[in-house]
Structure formats: structure tokens, C-alpha cells
Amino acid sequence: MHIIAYVMRRKPGLSQEEFFKLYAEHGQVMAMAARGLLRYEQYPLRIAESRGDVYSTGLPEYDALSVYIFETAEDAEYTSRLNEVIVDSERFIDFATMITLPVNKRTVV
């Protein structure tokens, strides 16, 4: 199992609403094109409204977190080079500021 997390910002000039729409649509592209993709979770930013939310009072620095779980590292590498994945991602992600985190899963509770 190969897990990668991405913390991303929207492209300059794109509204958060437009970003969220394109981000949701990206799930369809990944589901159709990715090789060995076992799970893809999207975590778009939400407004902290209730008690218990720990957040900055300033503007958020990032717009979303994505977690991809592939069968193998080779599947992740193959998928990252697919033209349809690249073209779709470039519509909404600011790659210059994106953070890539190769992670391991550890279930605590």
C-alpha cells in the first residue's frame, strides 16, 4: 500500500467556490484514469462554526487536503504521469505552493 497526502491551494484568480467545484469533479477523473487506486479522499476546507473547532482567525493558507491510497508506488507514479490527470489538475491546483506528504497509516482509535 502506498499513501500520499497533498495539501493544496487554488490557482490564483480562482474563487474558492470554483475551486471546490473543480476539485469535486477531479474525483471522477481519478476514478476513471488512475491505476491501482484503492481509495481517494477529499477534504475541502470548511468554515469553522462550532465549538471544538481549532482554527486560525486569519484567512486560511490552504483550500484542501487530498489522500490517495494506491496498491503500489509504481501505480502512483504511473497515475501522476497520465495526461488526463495532469490537465485536469492544472485547472484548479496551484502546484507552486502544494505540499506533498508521503505518509504511513496508523490507526489510533
PDB file of N, CA and C in Angstrom:
ATOM      1  N   MET A   1       0.849  -1.176   0.000  1.00  0.00           N
ATOM      2  CA  MET A   1       0.000   0.000   0.000  1.00  0.00           C
ATOM      3  C   MET A   1       0.896   1.241   0.000  1.00  0.00           C
ATOM      4  N   HIS A   2       0.543   2.216  -0.830  1.00  0.00           N
ATOM      5  CA  HIS A   2       1.323   3.445  -0.992  1.00  0.00           C
ATOM      6  C   HIS A   2       0.375   4.626  -0.785  1.00  0.00           C
ATOM      7  N   ILE A   3       0.641   5.431   0.246  1.00  0.00           N
ATOM      8  CA  ILE A   3      -0.259   6.530   0.612  1.00  0.00           C
ATOM      9  C   ILE A   3       0.448   7.866   0.422  1.00  0.00           C
ATOM     10  N   ILE A   4      -0.254   8.790  -0.218  1.00  0.00           N
ATOM     11  CA  ILE A   4       0.255  10.141  -0.440  1.00  0.00           C
ATOM     12  C   ILE A   4      -0.838  11.132  -0.057  1.00  0.00           C
ATOM     13  N   ALA A   5      -0.441  12.170   0.687  1.00  0.00           N
ATOM     14  CA  ALA A   5      -1.358  13.256   1.029  1.00  0.00           C
ATOM     15  C   ALA A   5      -0.857  14.539   0.370  1.00  0.00           C
ATOM     16  N   TYR A   6      -1.793  15.346  -0.090  1.00  0.00           N
ATOM     17  CA  TYR A   6      -1.465  16.632  -0.705  1.00  0.00           C
ATOM     18  C   TYR A   6      -2.259  17.724  -0.004  1.00  0.00           C
ATOM     19  N   VAL A   7      -1.575  18.791   0.371  1.00  0.00           N
ATOM     20  CA  VAL A   7      -2.225  19.986   0.905  1.00  0.00           C
ATOM     21  C   VAL A   7      -2.096  21.029  -0.195  1.00  0.00           C
ATOM     22  N   MET A   8      -3.238  21.593  -0.615  1.00  0.00           N
ATOM     23  CA  MET A   8      -3.199  22.436  -1.809  1.00  0.00           C
ATOM     24  C   MET A   8      -3.951  23.745  -1.670  1.00  0.00           C
ATOM     25  N   ARG A   9      -3.509  24.668  -2.519  1.00  0.00           N
ATOM     26  CA  ARG A   9      -4.181  25.957  -2.681  1.00  0.00           C
ATOM     27  C   ARG A   9      -4.773  26.003  -4.081  1.00  0.00           C
ATOM     28  N   ARG A  10      -5.780  26.826  -4.209  1.00  0.00           N
ATOM     29  CA  ARG A  10      -6.366  27.028  -5.540  1.00  0.00           C
ATOM     30  C   ARG A  10      -5.449  27.929  -6.378  1.00  0.00           C
ATOM     31  N   LYS A  11      -5.593  27.802  -7.680  1.00  0.00           N
ATOM     32  CA  LYS A  11      -4.822  28.641  -8.599  1.00  0.00           C
ATOM     33  C   LYS A  11      -5.189  30.104  -8.375  1.00  0.00           C
ATOM     34  N   PRO A  12      -4.228  31.001  -8.500  1.00  0.00           N
ATOM     35  CA  PRO A  12      -4.531  32.429  -8.382  1.00  0.00           C
ATOM     36  C   PRO A  12      -5.619  32.829  -9.375  1.00  0.00           C
ATOM     37  N   GLY A  13      -6.541  33.655  -8.905  1.00  0.00           N
ATOM     38  CA  GLY A  13      -7.640  34.113  -9.746  1.00  0.00           C
ATOM     39  C   GLY A  13      -8.872  33.236  -9.705  1.00  0.00           C
ATOM     40  N   LEU A  14      -8.775  32.077  -9.087  1.00  0.00           N
ATOM     41  CA  LEU A  14      -9.898  31.145  -8.988  1.00  0.00           C
ATOM     42  C   LEU A  14     -10.605  31.371  -7.652  1.00  0.00           C
ATOM     43  N   SER A  15     -11.915  31.515  -7.689  1.00  0.00           N
ATOM     44  CA  SER A  15     -12.655  31.673  -6.434  1.00  0.00           C
ATOM     45  C   SER A  15     -12.672  30.337  -5.691  1.00  0.00           C
ATOM     46  N   GLN A  16     -12.916  30.413  -4.394  1.00  0.00           N
ATOM     47  CA  GLN A  16     -12.981  29.175  -3.621  1.00  0.00           C
ATOM     48  C   GLN A  16     -14.138  28.304  -4.106  1.00  0.00           C
ATOM     49  N   GLU A  17     -15.245  28.916  -4.473  1.00  0.00           N
ATOM     50  CA  GLU A  17     -16.390  28.164  -4.993  1.00  0.00           C
ATOM     51  C   GLU A  17     -16.024  27.422  -6.283  1.00  0.00           C
ATOM     52  N   GLU A  18     -15.332  28.098  -7.189  1.00  0.00           N
ATOM     53  CA  GLU A  18     -14.890  27.456  -8.437  1.00  0.00           C
ATOM     54  C   GLU A  18     -13.910  26.322  -8.143  1.00  0.00           C
ATOM     55  N   PHE A  19     -12.989  26.579  -7.214  1.00  0.00           N
ATOM     56  CA  PHE A  19     -12.021  25.553  -6.825  1.00  0.00           C
ATOM     57  C   PHE A  19     -12.735  24.308  -6.314  1.00  0.00           C
ATOM     58  N   PHE A  20     -13.694  24.485  -5.400  1.00  0.00           N
ATOM     59  CA  PHE A  20     -14.393  23.334  -4.824  1.00  0.00           C
ATOM     60  C   PHE A  20     -15.141  22.539  -5.885  1.00  0.00           C
ATOM     61  N   LYS A  21     -15.715  23.227  -6.872  1.00  0.00           N
ATOM     62  CA  LYS A  21     -16.425  22.539  -7.958  1.00  0.00           C
ATOM     63  C   LYS A  21     -15.447  21.693  -8.780  1.00  0.00           C
ATOM     64  N   LEU A  22     -14.338  22.292  -9.184  1.00  0.00           N
ATOM     65  CA  LEU A  22     -13.344  21.572  -9.985  1.00  0.00           C
ATOM     66  C   LEU A  22     -12.694  20.449  -9.181  1.00  0.00           C
ATOM     67  N   TYR A  23     -12.490  20.689  -7.905  1.00  0.00           N
ATOM     68  CA  TYR A  23     -11.907  19.687  -7.007  1.00  0.00           C
ATOM     69  C   TYR A  23     -12.822  18.467  -6.910  1.00  0.00           C
ATOM     70  N   ALA A  24     -14.114  18.698  -6.755  1.00  0.00           N
ATOM     71  CA  ALA A  24     -15.074  17.586  -6.692  1.00  0.00           C
ATOM     72  C   ALA A  24     -15.085  16.811  -8.012  1.00  0.00           C
ATOM     73  N   GLU A  25     -15.057  17.527  -9.131  1.00  0.00           N
ATOM     74  CA  GLU A  25     -15.052  16.876 -10.444  1.00  0.00           C
ATOM     75  C   GLU A  25     -13.781  16.053 -10.664  1.00  0.00           C
ATOM     76  N   HIS A  26     -12.688  16.453 -10.031  1.00  0.00           N
ATOM     77  CA  HIS A  26     -11.418  15.736 -10.176  1.00  0.00           C
ATOM     78  C   HIS A  26     -11.550  14.291  -9.680  1.00  0.00           C
ATOM     79  N   GLY A  27     -12.414  14.073  -8.731  1.00  0.00           N
ATOM     80  CA  GLY A  27     -12.640  12.716  -8.234  1.00  0.00           C
ATOM     81  C   GLY A  27     -13.079  11.768  -9.337  1.00  0.00           C
ATOM     82  N   GLN A  28     -13.900  12.255 -10.255  1.00  0.00           N
ATOM     83  CA  GLN A  28     -14.359  11.431 -11.373  1.00  0.00           C
ATOM     84  C   GLN A  28     -13.205  11.101 -12.315  1.00  0.00           C
ATOM     85  N   VAL A  29     -12.355  12.081 -12.563  1.00  0.00           N
ATOM     86  CA  VAL A  29     -11.195  11.860 -13.435  1.00  0.00           C
ATOM     87  C   VAL A  29     -10.292  10.794 -12.826  1.00  0.00           C
ATOM     88  N   MET A  30     -10.019  10.919 -11.534  1.00  0.00           N
ATOM     89  CA  MET A  30      -9.145   9.957 -10.866  1.00  0.00           C
ATOM     90  C   MET A  30      -9.763   8.561 -10.858  1.00  0.00           C
ATOM     91  N   ALA A  31     -11.044   8.483 -10.590  1.00  0.00           N
ATOM     92  CA  ALA A  31     -11.710   7.176 -10.540  1.00  0.00           C
ATOM     93  C   ALA A  31     -11.635   6.462 -11.886  1.00  0.00           C
ATOM     94  N   MET A  32     -11.709   7.224 -12.972  1.00  0.00           N
ATOM     95  CA  MET A  32     -11.692   6.621 -14.301  1.00  0.00           C
ATOM     96  C   MET A  32     -10.284   6.334 -14.806  1.00  0.00           C
ATOM     97  N   ALA A  33      -9.310   7.178 -14.454  1.00  0.00           N
ATOM     98  CA  ALA A  33      -7.988   7.087 -15.075  1.00  0.00           C
ATOM     99  C   ALA A  33      -6.930   6.390 -14.232  1.00  0.00           C
ATOM    100  N   ALA A  34      -7.033   6.491 -12.926  1.00  0.00           N
ATOM    101  CA  ALA A  34      -5.951   6.021 -12.058  1.00  0.00           C
ATOM    102  C   ALA A  34      -5.787   4.509 -12.104  1.00  0.00           C
ATOM    103  N   ARG A  35      -4.548   4.088 -12.018  1.00  0.00           N
ATOM    104  CA  ARG A  35      -4.236   2.665 -11.952  1.00  0.00           C
ATOM    105  C   ARG A  35      -3.928   2.305 -10.499  1.00  0.00           C
ATOM    106  N   GLY A  36      -4.562   1.250 -10.013  1.00  0.00           N
ATOM    107  CA  GLY A  36      -4.280   0.762  -8.673  1.00  0.00           C
ATOM    108  C   GLY A  36      -4.735   1.671  -7.549  1.00  0.00           C
ATOM    109  N   LEU A  37      -5.670   2.577  -7.831  1.00  0.00           N
ATOM    110  CA  LEU A  37      -6.172   3.484  -6.798  1.00  0.00           C
ATOM    111  C   LEU A  37      -7.186   2.749  -5.931  1.00  0.00           C
ATOM    112  N   LEU A  38      -6.842   2.542  -4.678  1.00  0.00           N
ATOM    113  CA  LEU A  38      -7.721   1.833  -3.752  1.00  0.00           C
ATOM    114  C   LEU A  38      -8.693   2.770  -3.056  1.00  0.00           C
ATOM    115  N   ARG A  39      -8.226   3.996  -2.798  1.00  0.00           N
ATOM    116  CA  ARG A  39      -9.057   4.952  -2.073  1.00  0.00           C
ATOM    117  C   ARG A  39      -8.569   6.363  -2.389  1.00  0.00           C
ATOM    118  N   TYR A  40      -9.535   7.278  -2.509  1.00  0.00           N
ATOM    119  CA  TYR A  40      -9.214   8.693  -2.726  1.00  0.00           C
ATOM    120  C   TYR A  40     -10.177   9.489  -1.872  1.00  0.00           C
ATOM    121  N   GLU A  41      -9.639  10.227  -0.916  1.00  0.00           N
ATOM    122  CA  GLU A  41     -10.471  11.037  -0.021  1.00  0.00           C
ATOM    123  C   GLU A  41     -10.143  12.506  -0.212  1.00  0.00           C
ATOM    124  N   GLN A  42     -11.197  13.315  -0.329  1.00  0.00           N
ATOM    125  CA  GLN A  42     -11.051  14.759  -0.455  1.00  0.00           C
ATOM    126  C   GLN A  42     -11.529  15.411   0.833  1.00  0.00           C
ATOM    127  N   TYR A  43     -10.758  16.389   1.293  1.00  0.00           N
ATOM    128  CA  TYR A  43     -11.111  17.150   2.483  1.00  0.00           C
ATOM    129  C   TYR A  43     -11.064  18.639   2.145  1.00  0.00           C
ATOM    130  N   PRO A  44     -12.139  19.158   1.519  1.00  0.00           N
ATOM    131  CA  PRO A  44     -12.167  20.591   1.232  1.00  0.00           C
ATOM    132  C   PRO A  44     -12.314  21.377   2.538  1.00  0.00           C
ATOM    133  N   LEU A  45     -11.737  22.558   2.560  1.00  0.00           N
ATOM    134  CA  LEU A  45     -11.808  23.422   3.724  1.00  0.00           C
ATOM    135  C   LEU A  45     -13.262  23.743   4.051  1.00  0.00           C
ATOM    136  N   ARG A  46     -13.561  23.836   5.317  1.00  0.00           N
ATOM    137  CA  ARG A  46     -14.888  24.280   5.738  1.00  0.00           C
ATOM    138  C   ARG A  46     -14.721  25.449   6.685  1.00  0.00           C
ATOM    139  N   ILE A  47     -15.768  26.210   6.836  1.00  0.00           N
ATOM    140  CA  ILE A  47     -15.743  27.320   7.774  1.00  0.00           C
ATOM    141  C   ILE A  47     -15.944  26.760   9.167  1.00  0.00           C
ATOM    142  N   ALA A  48     -15.063  27.132  10.080  1.00  0.00           N
ATOM    143  CA  ALA A  48     -15.187  26.675  11.463  1.00  0.00           C
ATOM    144  C   ALA A  48     -16.328  27.444  12.116  1.00  0.00           C
ATOM    145  N   GLU A  49     -17.370  26.728  12.491  1.00  0.00           N
ATOM    146  CA  GLU A  49     -18.568  27.385  13.012  1.00  0.00           C
ATOM    147  C   GLU A  49     -18.936  26.959  14.422  1.00  0.00           C
ATOM    148  N   SER A  50     -18.433  25.845  14.878  1.00  0.00           N
ATOM    149  CA  SER A  50     -18.912  25.321  16.152  1.00  0.00           C
ATOM    150  C   SER A  50     -17.803  25.248  17.184  1.00  0.00           C
ATOM    151  N   ARG A  51     -18.206  25.076  18.430  1.00  0.00           N
ATOM    152  CA  ARG A  51     -17.233  24.877  19.497  1.00  0.00           C
ATOM    153  C   ARG A  51     -16.429  23.626  19.194  1.00  0.00           C
ATOM    154  N   GLY A  52     -15.209  23.646  19.627  1.00  0.00           N
ATOM    155  CA  GLY A  52     -14.354  22.495  19.380  1.00  0.00           C
ATOM    156  C   GLY A  52     -13.520  22.629  18.124  1.00  0.00           C
ATOM    157  N   ASP A  53     -13.889  23.552  17.246  1.00  0.00           N
ATOM    158  CA  ASP A  53     -13.064  23.804  16.063  1.00  0.00           C
ATOM    159  C   ASP A  53     -11.841  24.601  16.490  1.00  0.00           C
ATOM    160  N   VAL A  54     -10.698  24.134  16.108  1.00  0.00           N
ATOM    161  CA  VAL A  54      -9.461  24.860  16.374  1.00  0.00           C
ATOM    162  C   VAL A  54      -9.012  25.412  15.029  1.00  0.00           C
ATOM    163  N   TYR A  55      -8.971  26.708  14.931  1.00  0.00           N
ATOM    164  CA  TYR A  55      -8.658  27.314  13.647  1.00  0.00           C
ATOM    165  C   TYR A  55      -8.005  28.673  13.837  1.00  0.00           C
ATOM    166  N   SER A  56      -7.393  29.134  12.802  1.00  0.00           N
ATOM    167  CA  SER A  56      -6.801  30.462  12.783  1.00  0.00           C
ATOM    168  C   SER A  56      -7.891  31.465  12.462  1.00  0.00           C
ATOM    169  N   THR A  57      -7.800  32.635  13.071  1.00  0.00           N
ATOM    170  CA  THR A  57      -8.796  33.663  12.778  1.00  0.00           C
ATOM    171  C   THR A  57      -8.471  34.403  11.482  1.00  0.00           C
ATOM    172  N   GLY A  58      -7.281  34.175  10.938  1.00  0.00           N
ATOM    173  CA  GLY A  58      -6.910  34.802   9.672  1.00  0.00           C
ATOM    174  C   GLY A  58      -7.448  34.011   8.497  1.00  0.00           C
ATOM    175  N   LEU A  59      -7.142  34.497   7.321  1.00  0.00           N
ATOM    176  CA  LEU A  59      -7.555  33.768   6.122  1.00  0.00           C
ATOM    177  C   LEU A  59      -6.787  32.453   6.046  1.00  0.00           C
ATOM    178  N   PRO A  60      -7.442  31.386   5.632  1.00  0.00           N
ATOM    179  CA  PRO A  60      -6.758  30.093   5.543  1.00  0.00           C
ATOM    180  C   PRO A  60      -5.671  30.122   4.470  1.00  0.00           C
ATOM    181  N   GLU A  61      -4.588  29.414   4.747  1.00  0.00           N
ATOM    182  CA  GLU A  61      -3.481  29.373   3.793  1.00  0.00           C
ATOM    183  C   GLU A  61      -3.703  28.339   2.695  1.00  0.00           C
ATOM    184  N   TYR A  62      -4.506  27.325   2.980  1.00  0.00           N
ATOM    185  CA  TYR A  62      -4.740  26.245   2.019  1.00  0.00           C
ATOM    186  C   TYR A  62      -6.232  26.006   1.870  1.00  0.00           C
ATOM    187  N   ASP A  63      -6.610  25.343   0.776  1.00  0.00           N
ATOM    188  CA  ASP A  63      -8.018  25.127   0.461  1.00  0.00           C
ATOM    189  C   ASP A  63      -8.482  23.691   0.627  1.00  0.00           C
ATOM    190  N   ALA A  64      -7.558  22.738   0.599  1.00  0.00           N
ATOM    191  CA  ALA A  64      -7.990  21.339   0.656  1.00  0.00           C
ATOM    192  C   ALA A  64      -6.826  20.411   0.983  1.00  0.00           C
ATOM    193  N   LEU A  65      -7.220  19.223   1.412  1.00  0.00           N
ATOM    194  CA  LEU A  65      -6.291  18.119   1.662  1.00  0.00           C
ATOM    195  C   LEU A  65      -6.838  16.909   0.917  1.00  0.00           C
ATOM    196  N   SER A  66      -5.976  16.237   0.174  1.00  0.00           N
ATOM    197  CA  SER A  66      -6.364  15.005  -0.515  1.00  0.00           C
ATOM    198  C   SER A  66      -5.482  13.865  -0.036  1.00  0.00           C
ATOM    199  N   VAL A  67      -6.088  12.693   0.114  1.00  0.00           N
ATOM    200  CA  VAL A  67      -5.336  11.498   0.496  1.00  0.00           C
ATOM    201  C   VAL A  67      -5.617  10.419  -0.546  1.00  0.00           C
ATOM    202  N   TYR A  68      -4.540   9.921  -1.146  1.00  0.00           N
ATOM    203  CA  TYR A  68      -4.626   8.867  -2.154  1.00  0.00           C
ATOM    204  C   TYR A  68      -3.987   7.605  -1.600  1.00  0.00           C
ATOM    205  N   ILE A  69      -4.661   6.482  -1.778  1.00  0.00           N
ATOM    206  CA  ILE A  69      -4.083   5.198  -1.396  1.00  0.00           C
ATOM    207  C   ILE A  69      -4.036   4.328  -2.648  1.00  0.00           C
ATOM    208  N   PHE A  70      -2.815   4.000  -3.054  1.00  0.00           N
ATOM    209  CA  PHE A  70      -2.582   3.163  -4.224  1.00  0.00           C
ATOM    210  C   PHE A  70      -2.102   1.788  -3.789  1.00  0.00           C
ATOM    211  N   GLU A  71      -2.279   0.811  -4.659  1.00  0.00           N
ATOM    212  CA  GLU A  71      -1.762  -0.530  -4.379  1.00  0.00           C
ATOM    213  C   GLU A  71      -0.247  -0.506  -4.257  1.00  0.00           C
ATOM    214  N   THR A  72       0.418   0.222  -5.167  1.00  0.00           N
ATOM    215  CA  THR A  72       1.885   0.253  -5.178  1.00  0.00           C
ATOM    216  C   THR A  72       2.388   1.661  -5.502  1.00  0.00           C
ATOM    217  N   ALA A  73       3.666   1.893  -5.207  1.00  0.00           N
ATOM    218  CA  ALA A  73       4.308   3.153  -5.584  1.00  0.00           C
ATOM    219  C   ALA A  73       4.337   3.300  -7.103  1.00  0.00           C
ATOM    220  N   GLU A  74       4.482   2.200  -7.800  1.00  0.00           N
ATOM    221  CA  GLU A  74       4.500   2.229  -9.264  1.00  0.00           C
ATOM    222  C   GLU A  74       3.161   2.710  -9.817  1.00  0.00           C
ATOM    223  N   ASP A  75       2.059   2.286  -9.195  1.00  0.00           N
ATOM    224  CA  ASP A  75       0.737   2.751  -9.619  1.00  0.00           C
ATOM    225  C   ASP A  75       0.594   4.256  -9.407  1.00  0.00           C
ATOM    226  N   ALA A  76       1.099   4.749  -8.286  1.00  0.00           N
ATOM    227  CA  ALA A  76       1.040   6.189  -8.010  1.00  0.00           C
ATOM    228  C   ALA A  76       1.854   6.966  -9.038  1.00  0.00           C
ATOM    229  N   GLU A  77       3.046   6.490  -9.329  1.00  0.00           N
ATOM    230  CA  GLU A  77       3.921   7.144 -10.310  1.00  0.00           C
ATOM    231  C   GLU A  77       3.277   7.127 -11.695  1.00  0.00           C
ATOM    232  N   TYR A  78       2.750   5.993 -12.103  1.00  0.00           N
ATOM    233  CA  TYR A  78       2.083   5.863 -13.399  1.00  0.00           C
ATOM    234  C   TYR A  78       0.925   6.861 -13.507  1.00  0.00           C
ATOM    235  N   THR A  79       0.090   6.903 -12.478  1.00  0.00           N
ATOM    236  CA  THR A  79      -1.088   7.771 -12.491  1.00  0.00           C
ATOM    237  C   THR A  79      -0.690   9.241 -12.536  1.00  0.00           C
ATOM    238  N   SER A  80       0.368   9.615 -11.812  1.00  0.00           N
ATOM    239  CA  SER A  80       0.788  11.020 -11.774  1.00  0.00           C
ATOM    240  C   SER A  80       1.279  11.515 -13.130  1.00  0.00           C
ATOM    241  N   ARG A  81       1.606  10.608 -14.031  1.00  0.00           N
ATOM    242  CA  ARG A  81       2.107  10.987 -15.353  1.00  0.00           C
ATOM    243  C   ARG A  81       1.039  10.922 -16.450  1.00  0.00           C
ATOM    244  N   LEU A  82      -0.175  10.532 -16.102  1.00  0.00           N
ATOM    245  CA  LEU A  82      -1.247  10.458 -17.096  1.00  0.00           C
ATOM    246  C   LEU A  82      -1.661  11.856 -17.537  1.00  0.00           C
ATOM    247  N   ASN A  83      -1.736  12.065 -18.842  1.00  0.00           N
ATOM    248  CA  ASN A  83      -2.074  13.376 -19.373  1.00  0.00           C
ATOM    249  C   ASN A  83      -3.414  13.882 -18.850  1.00  0.00           C
ATOM    250  N   GLU A  84      -4.427  13.025 -18.799  1.00  0.00           N
ATOM    251  CA  GLU A  84      -5.740  13.494 -18.352  1.00  0.00           C
ATOM    252  C   GLU A  84      -5.728  13.919 -16.887  1.00  0.00           C
ATOM    253  N   VAL A  85      -4.908  13.289 -16.076  1.00  0.00           N
ATOM    254  CA  VAL A  85      -4.786  13.673 -14.662  1.00  0.00           C
ATOM    255  C   VAL A  85      -4.051  15.007 -14.552  1.00  0.00           C
ATOM    256  N   ILE A  86      -2.984  15.168 -15.310  1.00  0.00           N
ATOM    257  CA  ILE A  86      -2.207  16.409 -15.292  1.00  0.00           C
ATOM    258  C   ILE A  86      -3.053  17.587 -15.758  1.00  0.00           C
ATOM    259  N   VAL A  87      -3.703  17.441 -16.901  1.00  0.00           N
ATOM    260  CA  VAL A  87      -4.507  18.523 -17.473  1.00  0.00           C
ATOM    261  C   VAL A  87      -5.633  18.917 -16.524  1.00  0.00           C
ATOM    262  N   ASP A  88      -6.316  17.940 -15.954  1.00  0.00           N
ATOM    263  CA  ASP A  88      -7.411  18.249 -15.042  1.00  0.00           C
ATOM    264  C   ASP A  88      -6.894  18.939 -13.780  1.00  0.00           C
ATOM    265  N   SER A  89      -5.812  18.458 -13.222  1.00  0.00           N
ATOM    266  CA  SER A  89      -5.249  19.040 -12.001  1.00  0.00           C
ATOM    267  C   SER A  89      -4.810  20.482 -12.218  1.00  0.00           C
ATOM    268  N   GLU A  90      -4.261  20.759 -13.380  1.00  0.00           N
ATOM    269  CA  GLU A  90      -3.781  22.109 -13.687  1.00  0.00           C
ATOM    270  C   GLU A  90      -4.908  23.131 -13.780  1.00  0.00           C
ATOM    271  N   ARG A  91      -6.147  22.673 -13.899  1.00  0.00           N
ATOM    272  CA  ARG A  91      -7.276  23.605 -13.962  1.00  0.00           C
ATOM    273  C   ARG A  91      -7.505  24.324 -12.636  1.00  0.00           C
ATOM    274  N   PHE A  92      -7.125  23.707 -11.515  1.00  0.00           N
ATOM    275  CA  PHE A  92      -7.504  24.293 -10.230  1.00  0.00           C
ATOM    276  C   PHE A  92      -6.423  24.305  -9.149  1.00  0.00           C
ATOM    277  N   ILE A  93      -5.342  23.555  -9.296  1.00  0.00           N
ATOM    278  CA  ILE A  93      -4.323  23.459  -8.246  1.00  0.00           C
ATOM    279  C   ILE A  93      -3.156  24.405  -8.521  1.00  0.00           C
ATOM    280  N   ASP A  94      -2.716  25.116  -7.488  1.00  0.00           N
ATOM    281  CA  ASP A  94      -1.503  25.931  -7.555  1.00  0.00           C
ATOM    282  C   ASP A  94      -0.333  25.032  -7.158  1.00  0.00           C
ATOM    283  N   PHE A  95       0.300  24.428  -8.140  1.00  0.00           N
ATOM    284  CA  PHE A  95       1.359  23.450  -7.873  1.00  0.00           C
ATOM    285  C   PHE A  95       2.581  24.061  -7.194  1.00  0.00           C
ATOM    286  N   ALA A  96       2.808  25.354  -7.386  1.00  0.00           N
ATOM    287  CA  ALA A  96       3.976  26.001  -6.782  1.00  0.00           C
ATOM    288  C   ALA A  96       3.901  26.019  -5.257  1.00  0.00           C
ATOM    289  N   THR A  97       2.687  25.941  -4.711  1.00  0.00           N
ATOM    290  CA  THR A  97       2.524  26.004  -3.250  1.00  0.00           C
ATOM    291  C   THR A  97       2.042  24.689  -2.641  1.00  0.00           C
ATOM    292  N   MET A  98       1.828  23.686  -3.461  1.00  0.00           N
ATOM    293  CA  MET A  98       1.295  22.417  -2.961  1.00  0.00           C
ATOM    294  C   MET A  98       2.337  21.680  -2.115  1.00  0.00           C
ATOM    295  N   ILE A  99       1.865  21.067  -1.042  1.00  0.00           N
ATOM    296  CA  ILE A  99       2.719  20.264  -0.168  1.00  0.00           C
ATOM    297  C   ILE A  99       2.390  18.798  -0.412  1.00  0.00           C
ATOM    298  N   THR A 100       3.412  18.006  -0.666  1.00  0.00           N
ATOM    299  CA  THR A 100       3.251  16.571  -0.882  1.00  0.00           C
ATOM    300  C   THR A 100       3.827  15.833   0.315  1.00  0.00           C
ATOM    301  N   LEU A 101       3.028  14.931   0.882  1.00  0.00           N
ATOM    302  CA  LEU A 101       3.443  14.187   2.069  1.00  0.00           C
ATOM    303  C   LEU A 101       3.306  12.689   1.838  1.00  0.00           C
ATOM    304  N   PRO A 102       4.403  11.965   1.648  1.00  0.00           N
ATOM    305  CA  PRO A 102       4.315  10.505   1.621  1.00  0.00           C
ATOM    306  C   PRO A 102       4.119  10.052   3.067  1.00  0.00           C
ATOM    307  N   VAL A 103       3.039   9.341   3.330  1.00  0.00           N
ATOM    308  CA  VAL A 103       2.694   9.008   4.718  1.00  0.00           C
ATOM    309  C   VAL A 103       2.425   7.518   4.896  1.00  0.00           C
ATOM    310  N   ASN A 104       2.452   7.108   6.150  1.00  0.00           N
ATOM    311  CA  ASN A 104       2.021   5.775   6.558  1.00  0.00           C
ATOM    312  C   ASN A 104       0.750   5.932   7.371  1.00  0.00           C
ATOM    313  N   LYS A 105      -0.115   4.955   7.292  1.00  0.00           N
ATOM    314  CA  LYS A 105      -1.349   4.988   8.068  1.00  0.00           C
ATOM    315  C   LYS A 105      -1.101   4.342   9.425  1.00  0.00           C
ATOM    316  N   ARG A 106      -1.567   5.039  10.454  1.00  0.00           N
ATOM    317  CA  ARG A 106      -1.508   4.497  11.803  1.00  0.00           C
ATOM    318  C   ARG A 106      -2.861   4.773  12.456  1.00  0.00           C
ATOM    319  N   THR A 107      -3.649   3.748  12.681  1.00  0.00           N
ATOM    320  CA  THR A 107      -4.946   3.903  13.318  1.00  0.00           C
ATOM    321  C   THR A 107      -4.750   3.924  14.830  1.00  0.00           C
ATOM    322  N   VAL A 108      -5.259   4.966  15.478  1.00  0.00           N
ATOM    323  CA  VAL A 108      -5.108   5.128  16.921  1.00  0.00           C
ATOM    324  C   VAL A 108      -6.375   4.698  17.646  1.00  0.00           C
ATOM    325  N   VAL A 109      -7.512   5.109  17.152  1.00  0.00           N
ATOM    326  CA  VAL A 109      -8.795   4.738  17.773  1.00  0.00           C
ATOM    327  C   VAL A 109      -9.682   4.128  16.715  1.00  0.00           C
TER     328      VAL A 109
END
